[in-house]
Amino acid sequence: MLGGRYTLLTPIAQGGMGEVWKARDRVSGHIVAAKVLRPELAGEELSLSRLRLEARNSMSISHPNIANTQDSGEEDGIGWIIMELVDGYPLTDYLRGGSRIEPEYLMPILVQVAMALGAAARAGVVHRDIKPANIIVRPDGMVKLTDFGISRTRNQVNLTAAGMVMGTAQYLPPEQAMGELATPIGDLYALGVIAYEAAAGRRPFTGETQVDIAFAHVNDPVPPLPDFVPEPLADVILHLLEKDPAKRPESGSAAVREIAGAAKAMGISVTPRPLPLPKSAQRPAETRTPVQPSVPILAPVRHLTRRTLPDEMLQPPSGLTPRVRTVTGRHAAVPRIIDEATTIAPSSSMIPITGRHATVPRIIDEAPAPPVPPPVSAPTRVRRIRPDATGEHAPASSSSLTSTGR
């Protein structure tokens, strides 16, 4: 649990510095996303400082196309951030394997990301890691920009060592590859790389190593786009990919106007619209036979059934099986169960009571049987003892029988 409030449920993703978990807010009951510093980095001041800056920078921006950051804290050297949990697919799922996004779906995505970048720039924040993995598309077509882990503000303390370049090589602006200060215009260049990849089905620059790719952004001209890319869209992409930052759109708002104008020229609306599911989510469900039942999906909170003893432990030991004396005649009765809800014996046989308190089993709550008149007895025979016998209990050596009555 984080901060005594957020319960971690299931892992979602893992990055170089942190792990993202689905979590439950115990106060509101809402499901949220929790980014937690990796255990091996616990107590490391540089990692904790980066996490603090991420929380501060992302909390300073409020925009519908940016995942909302709600809380943050530290506990025993482990830092964490609580964010809005976005239900959707990262753009990487739509581009995997050279897949393309058709212009009618791509233009609304580009507009929304450009608006998010404009809001970040107005708050003085440079994202510095715009890439498909950090763009989440909801089922309704709404886009959310995430992960401000290496973001930077104007007056921020520099945590990057000299000569180190922060970012992802495939989407790195040329000026950042050369070690220059990152600006919001560099984020727009990264958006141009994403637009090129989504429209053409391939990235504009490749290389054998990360350094080769970074310098391709600096030195190599942008490869021509395929002929099937509409010209208005191609013009927007090439404008975003200008090597000179001064030749790119001057802001996110300017990029929004340019993308919207190109969409209008193509007769496409920039209103968010649901995208077809990516191929990774279209795999058919596994066919199961009746003898192979489906595995139930376990909820994050497991509800256990009440524990009971095995049946063999509920049977009385064979050596202690009670022997109930059979009562014959008209007074014989079948024992009744007094209260089924509080049965004290595991079997239907009665529990014997041994020792001096042993009694014949009685039937509870029944009227006693009426007295039975004694039967007329037949003539009895009386044994007489001779008076010459000695001793109070001396046995008689001989006896005579006397009949009574007539």
Protein backbone atom coordinates (compact mmCIF):
# COMPACT_ATOMS: atom_id res chain seq x y z
CA MET A 1 0.00 0.00 0.00
CA LEU A 2 1.22 3.48 -0.87
CA GLY A 3 0.78 6.31 1.60
CA GLY A 4 -1.73 4.26 3.57
CA ARG A 5 -4.27 4.96 0.82
CA TYR A 6 -3.47 3.25 -2.49
CA THR A 7 -3.57 -0.55 -2.77
CA LEU A 8 -1.53 -2.03 -5.63
CA LEU A 9 -3.54 -4.56 -7.64
CA THR A 10 -1.89 -5.70 -10.89
CA PRO A 11 1.18 -4.56 -12.87
CA ILE A 12 0.58 -2.72 -16.14
CA ALA A 13 3.99 -1.79 -17.53
CA GLN A 14 7.62 -1.43 -16.57
CA GLY A 15 10.14 1.20 -17.60
CA GLY A 16 13.76 1.96 -16.92
CA MET A 17 13.05 3.84 -13.71
CA GLY A 18 9.60 2.77 -12.51
CA GLU A 19 6.82 0.23 -12.61
CA VAL A 20 3.22 1.17 -13.41
CA TRP A 21 0.49 -0.61 -11.43
CA LYS A 22 -3.27 -0.62 -11.44
CA ALA A 23 -4.24 0.48 -7.94
CA ARG A 24 -7.33 1.25 -5.86
CA ASP A 25 -7.80 4.51 -3.96
CA ARG A 26 -9.20 3.41 -0.57
CA VAL A 27 -10.64 6.88 0.07
CA SER A 28 -12.59 7.40 -3.17
CA GLY A 29 -12.80 3.78 -4.29
CA HIS A 30 -11.56 4.78 -7.76
CA ILE A 31 -9.16 2.67 -9.82
CA VAL A 32 -6.00 4.65 -10.63
CA ALA A 33 -2.54 4.13 -12.10
CA ALA A 34 0.43 4.14 -9.72
CA LYS A 35 3.97 4.68 -10.97
CA VAL A 36 6.37 3.27 -8.36
CA LEU A 37 10.14 3.55 -8.27
CA ARG A 38 11.77 0.20 -8.99
CA PRO A 39 12.99 -1.59 -5.82
CA GLU A 40 16.62 -1.64 -6.90
CA LEU A 41 16.54 2.17 -7.13
CA ALA A 42 15.11 2.66 -3.64
CA GLY A 43 16.85 5.43 -1.77
CA GLU A 44 18.80 6.57 -4.83
CA GLU A 45 18.59 10.34 -4.71
CA LEU A 46 18.91 10.94 -8.46
CA SER A 47 15.97 8.65 -9.24
CA LEU A 48 13.90 10.14 -6.43
CA SER A 49 14.65 13.64 -7.72
CA ARG A 50 13.53 12.71 -11.23
CA LEU A 51 10.30 11.27 -9.87
CA ARG A 52 9.65 14.43 -7.85
CA LEU A 53 10.20 16.57 -10.96
CA GLU A 54 7.89 14.36 -13.02
CA ALA A 55 5.13 14.74 -10.44
CA ARG A 56 5.60 18.50 -10.20
CA ASN A 57 5.77 19.08 -13.97
CA SER A 58 2.78 16.90 -14.82
CA MET A 59 0.67 18.40 -12.00
CA SER A 60 1.31 21.87 -13.41
CA ILE A 61 -0.56 20.99 -16.65
CA SER A 62 -4.31 20.60 -16.91
CA HIS A 63 -5.64 19.49 -20.29
CA PRO A 64 -8.14 16.86 -21.49
CA ASN A 65 -5.48 15.25 -23.70
CA ILE A 66 -2.95 14.82 -20.87
CA ALA A 67 -3.32 12.06 -18.29
CA ASN A 68 -4.13 13.75 -15.00
CA THR A 69 -1.61 13.41 -12.14
CA GLN A 70 -3.40 13.30 -8.78
CA ASP A 71 -0.93 12.58 -5.99
CA SER A 72 2.68 11.71 -5.19
CA GLY A 73 4.84 10.78 -2.23
CA GLU A 74 7.79 8.85 -0.83
CA GLU A 75 7.97 6.04 1.67
CA ASP A 76 11.08 4.18 2.89
CA GLY A 77 13.10 5.41 -0.08
CA ILE A 78 10.41 4.41 -2.61
CA GLY A 79 8.83 7.27 -4.56
CA TRP A 80 5.43 7.01 -6.26
CA ILE A 81 3.02 8.99 -8.42
CA ILE A 82 -0.75 8.47 -8.69
CA MET A 83 -2.24 9.19 -12.12
CA GLU A 84 -5.46 8.82 -14.04
CA LEU A 85 -5.83 5.27 -15.35
CA VAL A 86 -6.42 5.49 -19.11
CA ASP A 87 -8.37 2.64 -20.65
CA GLY A 88 -7.03 2.23 -24.16
CA TYR A 89 -4.16 1.07 -26.38
CA PRO A 90 -0.78 2.76 -26.87
CA LEU A 91 -0.12 3.97 -30.36
CA THR A 92 2.64 1.38 -30.64
CA ASP A 93 -0.06 -1.32 -30.88
CA TYR A 94 -1.51 0.36 -33.94
CA LEU A 95 1.90 0.73 -35.64
CA ARG A 96 3.36 -2.69 -34.82
CA GLY A 97 4.64 -4.70 -37.78
CA GLY A 98 4.57 -1.78 -40.24
CA SER A 99 0.85 -1.15 -39.84
CA ARG A 100 -0.48 2.20 -41.02
CA ILE A 101 -3.25 4.45 -39.73
CA GLU A 102 -5.58 5.82 -42.38
CA PRO A 103 -5.78 9.63 -42.64
CA GLU A 104 -9.37 9.83 -41.36
CA TYR A 105 -8.18 8.33 -38.07
CA LEU A 106 -4.67 9.83 -38.05
CA MET A 107 -5.63 13.49 -38.41
CA PRO A 108 -7.74 13.61 -35.18
CA ILE A 109 -4.87 11.93 -33.31
CA LEU A 110 -2.31 14.46 -34.55
CA VAL A 111 -4.59 17.38 -33.63
CA GLN A 112 -5.10 16.11 -30.08
CA VAL A 113 -1.38 15.49 -29.46
CA ALA A 114 -0.55 18.95 -30.82
CA MET A 115 -3.12 20.51 -28.47
CA ALA A 116 -1.59 18.62 -25.52
CA LEU A 117 1.89 19.84 -26.47
CA GLY A 118 0.58 23.39 -26.73
CA ALA A 119 -0.86 23.16 -23.21
CA ALA A 120 2.44 21.78 -21.88
CA ALA A 121 4.40 24.59 -23.55
CA ARG A 122 2.12 27.24 -22.04
CA ALA A 123 2.85 25.70 -18.62
CA GLY A 124 6.57 25.94 -19.39
CA VAL A 125 7.06 22.15 -19.70
CA VAL A 126 8.98 20.31 -22.44
CA HIS A 127 8.05 16.63 -22.61
CA ARG A 128 11.32 15.46 -24.29
CA ASP A 129 10.04 11.90 -24.89
CA ILE A 130 7.20 12.09 -27.41
CA LYS A 131 6.83 8.61 -28.91
CA PRO A 132 3.99 6.17 -29.74
CA ALA A 133 4.35 4.32 -26.41
CA ASN A 134 3.46 7.52 -24.53
CA ILE A 135 0.30 8.23 -26.54
CA ILE A 136 -2.74 6.24 -25.37
CA VAL A 137 -5.84 6.04 -27.58
CA ARG A 138 -9.10 5.33 -25.79
CA PRO A 139 -11.86 3.26 -27.44
CA ASP A 140 -13.81 6.46 -28.19
CA GLY A 141 -10.83 7.96 -30.04
CA MET A 142 -9.79 10.32 -27.24
CA VAL A 143 -6.00 10.66 -26.94
CA LYS A 144 -4.05 10.94 -23.68
CA LEU A 145 -0.39 12.00 -23.48
CA THR A 146 1.46 10.25 -20.64
CA ASP A 147 4.88 9.84 -18.98
CA PHE A 148 6.56 13.14 -18.15
CA GLY A 149 9.46 11.21 -16.64
CA ILE A 150 12.22 13.19 -18.37
CA SER A 151 10.28 16.42 -18.85
CA ARG A 152 11.94 19.72 -18.19
CA THR A 153 10.96 23.27 -17.26
CA ARG A 154 12.79 26.52 -17.89
CA ASN A 155 14.27 26.96 -14.41
CA GLN A 156 14.65 23.30 -13.55
CA VAL A 157 17.83 21.96 -11.99
CA ASN A 158 19.78 20.00 -14.60
CA LEU A 159 19.93 16.32 -13.59
CA THR A 160 21.49 15.19 -16.88
CA ALA A 161 25.22 14.59 -16.90
CA ALA A 162 27.36 16.51 -19.37
CA GLY A 163 27.39 14.85 -22.80
CA MET A 164 24.27 12.76 -22.06
CA VAL A 165 21.27 13.02 -24.39
CA MET A 166 17.81 12.35 -22.97
CA GLY A 167 15.11 10.89 -25.23
CA THR A 168 14.42 8.01 -27.61
CA ALA A 169 16.71 7.92 -30.63
CA GLN A 170 14.01 7.06 -33.18
CA TYR A 171 12.07 10.24 -32.29
CA LEU A 172 14.91 12.52 -31.25
CA PRO A 173 14.98 16.11 -32.61
CA PRO A 174 18.26 17.02 -34.35
CA GLU A 175 19.02 19.84 -31.90
CA GLN A 176 18.68 17.51 -28.92
CA ALA A 177 20.89 14.95 -30.63
CA MET A 178 23.52 17.68 -30.83
CA GLY A 179 23.23 18.37 -27.10
CA GLU A 180 21.33 21.62 -27.37
CA LEU A 181 18.65 22.67 -24.92
CA ALA A 182 15.30 20.97 -25.44
CA THR A 183 12.38 23.20 -26.44
CA PRO A 184 8.66 22.70 -27.18
CA ILE A 185 9.51 22.92 -30.89
CA GLY A 186 11.53 19.72 -30.48
CA ASP A 187 8.42 17.94 -29.21
CA LEU A 188 6.66 18.96 -32.45
CA TYR A 189 9.50 17.37 -34.46
CA ALA A 190 8.92 14.08 -32.59
CA LEU A 191 5.22 14.37 -33.47
CA GLY A 192 6.27 14.70 -37.13
CA VAL A 193 8.25 11.43 -36.87
CA ILE A 194 5.17 9.68 -35.45
CA ALA A 195 3.00 11.12 -38.24
CA TYR A 196 5.49 9.89 -40.89
CA GLU A 197 5.54 6.38 -39.38
CA ALA A 198 1.75 6.18 -39.11
CA ALA A 199 1.17 7.41 -42.67
CA ALA A 200 3.95 5.46 -44.44
CA GLY A 201 4.20 2.32 -42.29
CA ARG A 202 7.90 2.91 -41.56
CA ARG A 203 10.10 5.38 -39.70
CA PRO A 204 11.96 8.04 -41.64
CA PHE A 205 15.38 7.33 -40.10
CA THR A 206 16.98 4.03 -39.11
CA GLY A 207 20.44 2.78 -38.22
CA GLU A 208 22.37 -0.09 -36.69
CA THR A 209 22.86 1.67 -33.36
CA GLN A 210 21.11 4.34 -31.37
CA VAL A 211 23.92 6.78 -32.17
CA ASP A 212 23.56 6.09 -35.90
CA ILE A 213 19.85 6.80 -35.74
CA ALA A 214 20.37 10.00 -33.76
CA PHE A 215 22.86 11.37 -36.26
CA ALA A 216 20.60 10.37 -39.16
CA HIS A 217 18.12 12.88 -37.75
CA VAL A 218 20.88 15.48 -37.88
CA ASN A 219 22.46 14.77 -41.26
CA ASP A 220 20.14 12.75 -43.53
CA PRO A 221 17.34 14.34 -45.58
CA VAL A 222 13.81 13.20 -44.91
CA PRO A 223 12.97 10.29 -47.28
CA PRO A 224 10.07 11.02 -49.65
CA LEU A 225 6.70 9.81 -48.47
CA PRO A 226 4.89 7.12 -50.49
CA ASP A 227 2.52 8.30 -53.21
CA PHE A 228 -0.54 6.99 -51.35
CA VAL A 229 -0.08 9.62 -48.62
CA PRO A 230 -2.38 12.57 -49.43
CA GLU A 231 -0.47 15.72 -50.34
CA PRO A 232 -1.96 17.96 -47.61
CA LEU A 233 -0.93 15.41 -44.97
CA ALA A 234 2.54 15.02 -46.51
CA ASP A 235 3.03 18.81 -46.39
CA VAL A 236 2.19 18.86 -42.66
CA ILE A 237 4.61 16.01 -41.92
CA LEU A 238 7.50 17.54 -43.85
CA HIS A 239 6.94 20.90 -42.13
CA LEU A 240 7.15 19.25 -38.70
CA LEU A 241 10.36 17.44 -39.74
CA GLU A 242 12.34 20.51 -40.72
CA LYS A 243 15.94 20.26 -39.47
CA ASP A 244 15.97 23.92 -38.46
CA PRO A 245 13.66 24.49 -35.48
CA ALA A 246 12.91 28.01 -36.74
CA LYS A 247 11.28 26.56 -39.88
CA ARG A 248 8.83 24.32 -37.98
CA PRO A 249 5.42 25.46 -36.67
CA GLU A 250 6.10 28.02 -33.97
CA SER A 251 3.86 26.38 -31.34
CA GLY A 252 1.46 23.58 -30.67
CA SER A 253 -1.44 25.88 -31.47
CA ALA A 254 0.10 26.71 -34.86
CA ALA A 255 0.51 22.99 -35.55
CA VAL A 256 -3.15 22.42 -34.65
CA ARG A 257 -4.25 25.04 -37.18
CA GLU A 258 -2.05 23.55 -39.88
CA ILE A 259 -3.25 19.97 -39.27
CA ALA A 260 -6.88 21.07 -39.14
CA GLY A 261 -6.44 22.97 -42.43
CA ALA A 262 -4.97 19.89 -44.12
CA ALA A 263 -7.82 17.74 -42.81
CA LYS A 264 -10.36 20.20 -44.19
CA ALA A 265 -8.64 20.10 -47.58
CA MET A 266 -9.01 16.31 -47.54
CA GLY A 267 -12.61 16.47 -46.39
CA ILE A 268 -11.77 14.85 -43.02
CA SER A 269 -13.14 15.85 -39.62
CA VAL A 270 -10.69 16.23 -36.75
CA THR A 271 -13.32 15.26 -34.17
CA PRO A 272 -12.11 12.22 -32.17
CA ARG A 273 -13.50 8.99 -33.59
CA PRO A 274 -13.15 5.36 -32.51
CA LEU A 275 -10.27 3.56 -34.17
CA PRO A 276 -10.48 -0.04 -35.37
CA LEU A 277 -8.85 -2.29 -32.79
CA PRO A 278 -5.14 -2.90 -33.38
CA LYS A 279 -4.18 -6.30 -34.76
CA SER A 280 -2.78 -7.36 -31.39
CA ALA A 281 -6.28 -7.02 -29.91
CA GLN A 282 -8.04 -8.83 -32.78
CA ARG A 283 -6.66 -12.30 -32.10
CA PRO A 284 -9.48 -14.85 -31.92
CA ALA A 285 -10.21 -16.31 -28.55
CA GLU A 286 -8.81 -19.75 -27.88
CA THR A 287 -11.30 -22.52 -28.66
CA ARG A 288 -11.90 -24.77 -25.68
CA THR A 289 -13.62 -28.15 -25.60
CA PRO A 290 -16.16 -29.11 -22.92
CA VAL A 291 -13.56 -31.27 -21.19
CA GLN A 292 -11.25 -28.27 -20.91
CA PRO A 293 -13.17 -25.70 -18.87
CA SER A 294 -12.27 -22.07 -19.11
CA VAL A 295 -10.01 -20.68 -16.42
CA PRO A 296 -11.93 -18.17 -14.29
CA ILE A 297 -10.64 -14.63 -14.20
CA LEU A 298 -9.64 -13.75 -10.65
CA ALA A 299 -10.61 -10.35 -9.34
CA PRO A 300 -7.87 -8.18 -7.79
CA VAL A 301 -9.50 -8.82 -4.40
CA ARG A 302 -9.99 -12.53 -3.75
CA HIS A 303 -13.00 -13.57 -1.71
CA LEU A 304 -12.29 -16.92 -0.01
CA THR A 305 -15.04 -19.34 0.93
CA ARG A 306 -15.51 -20.39 4.57
CA ARG A 307 -13.08 -23.13 5.45
CA THR A 308 -14.54 -26.53 6.49
CA LEU A 309 -13.03 -29.80 7.67
CA PRO A 310 -12.67 -32.74 5.28
CA ASP A 311 -15.48 -35.30 5.38
CA GLU A 312 -13.23 -38.03 6.76
CA MET A 313 -12.47 -35.88 9.81
CA LEU A 314 -16.17 -35.40 10.49
CA GLN A 315 -16.82 -39.14 11.01
CA PRO A 316 -16.56 -40.60 14.57
CA PRO A 317 -13.64 -42.98 15.19
CA SER A 318 -14.59 -46.58 14.62
CA GLY A 319 -13.53 -47.60 18.15
CA LEU A 320 -15.82 -45.03 19.75
CA THR A 321 -19.00 -45.84 17.85
CA PRO A 322 -21.73 -45.75 20.51
CA ARG A 323 -23.91 -48.75 21.25
CA VAL A 324 -27.44 -47.66 21.93
CA ARG A 325 -29.57 -50.17 23.86
CA THR A 326 -32.60 -51.10 21.87
CA VAL A 327 -35.88 -50.39 23.65
CA THR A 328 -38.62 -52.77 22.59
CA GLY A 329 -42.26 -52.76 23.23
CA ARG A 330 -44.72 -49.98 22.93
CA HIS A 331 -42.40 -47.50 24.67
CA ALA A 332 -39.78 -47.77 21.95
CA ALA A 333 -39.34 -44.49 20.10
CA VAL A 334 -37.09 -43.06 17.44
CA PRO A 335 -34.79 -40.31 18.80
CA ARG A 336 -35.72 -36.87 17.50
CA ILE A 337 -33.38 -34.06 16.43
CA ILE A 338 -34.19 -31.23 18.79
CA ASP A 339 -32.73 -28.38 16.73
CA GLU A 340 -31.28 -29.02 13.28
CA ALA A 341 -29.51 -25.65 13.22
CA THR A 342 -27.38 -26.63 16.23
CA THR A 343 -26.66 -30.29 15.62
CA ILE A 344 -23.76 -31.22 17.90
CA ALA A 345 -22.94 -34.66 16.53
CA PRO A 346 -21.64 -35.32 13.01
CA SER A 347 -23.73 -38.46 12.67
CA SER A 348 -27.32 -39.41 13.49
CA SER A 349 -26.37 -41.76 16.34
CA MET A 350 -26.68 -40.49 19.90
CA ILE A 351 -23.66 -39.64 22.00
CA PRO A 352 -23.23 -42.20 24.82
CA ILE A 353 -22.65 -40.99 28.39
CA THR A 354 -20.56 -43.41 30.42
CA GLY A 355 -19.77 -43.66 34.10
CA ARG A 356 -22.04 -43.09 37.04
CA HIS A 357 -24.09 -40.48 35.19
CA ALA A 358 -25.05 -42.91 32.45
CA THR A 359 -28.78 -42.96 31.84
CA VAL A 360 -31.13 -44.44 29.35
CA PRO A 361 -31.68 -41.98 26.49
CA ARG A 362 -34.85 -39.98 27.01
CA ILE A 363 -37.03 -38.30 24.45
CA ILE A 364 -37.30 -34.58 25.20
CA ASP A 365 -40.53 -32.59 25.26
CA GLU A 366 -42.89 -35.57 25.06
CA ALA A 367 -45.65 -36.30 27.59
CA PRO A 368 -44.80 -39.18 29.90
CA ALA A 369 -46.51 -42.48 29.14
CA PRO A 370 -49.59 -43.24 31.31
CA PRO A 371 -49.10 -45.79 34.10
CA VAL A 372 -49.84 -49.35 33.15
CA PRO A 373 -51.98 -51.40 35.61
CA PRO A 374 -50.25 -54.49 36.85
CA PRO A 375 -51.44 -57.65 35.18
CA VAL A 376 -53.27 -60.31 37.14
CA SER A 377 -50.54 -62.59 38.35
CA ALA A 378 -50.73 -66.35 38.20
CA PRO A 379 -50.30 -68.45 41.38
CA THR A 380 -46.78 -68.15 42.64
CA ARG A 381 -44.60 -70.63 44.38
CA VAL A 382 -42.98 -69.63 47.66
CA ARG A 383 -39.69 -71.05 48.88
CA ARG A 384 -39.51 -71.68 52.61
CA ILE A 385 -36.31 -72.17 54.59
CA ARG A 386 -36.12 -74.62 57.46
CA PRO A 387 -35.77 -73.08 60.90
CA ASP A 388 -32.86 -75.25 61.81
CA ALA A 389 -30.64 -73.46 59.29
CA THR A 390 -27.88 -71.44 60.91
CA GLY A 391 -26.61 -68.08 59.71
CA GLU A 392 -28.62 -65.28 58.35
CA HIS A 393 -27.95 -66.15 54.78
CA ALA A 394 -27.29 -69.84 55.12
CA PRO A 395 -28.58 -71.70 52.10
CA ALA A 396 -31.21 -74.31 52.61
CA SER A 397 -30.17 -77.90 52.19
CA SER A 398 -33.66 -78.91 51.23
CA SER A 399 -36.93 -77.12 50.64
CA SER A 400 -40.60 -77.89 50.39
CA LEU A 401 -43.07 -76.29 48.10
CA THR A 402 -46.45 -75.18 49.40
CA SER A 403 -49.26 -74.12 47.17
CA THR A 404 -51.45 -71.20 48.19
CA GLY A 405 -55.09 -70.79 47.42
CA ARG A 406 -57.38 -73.65 46.92
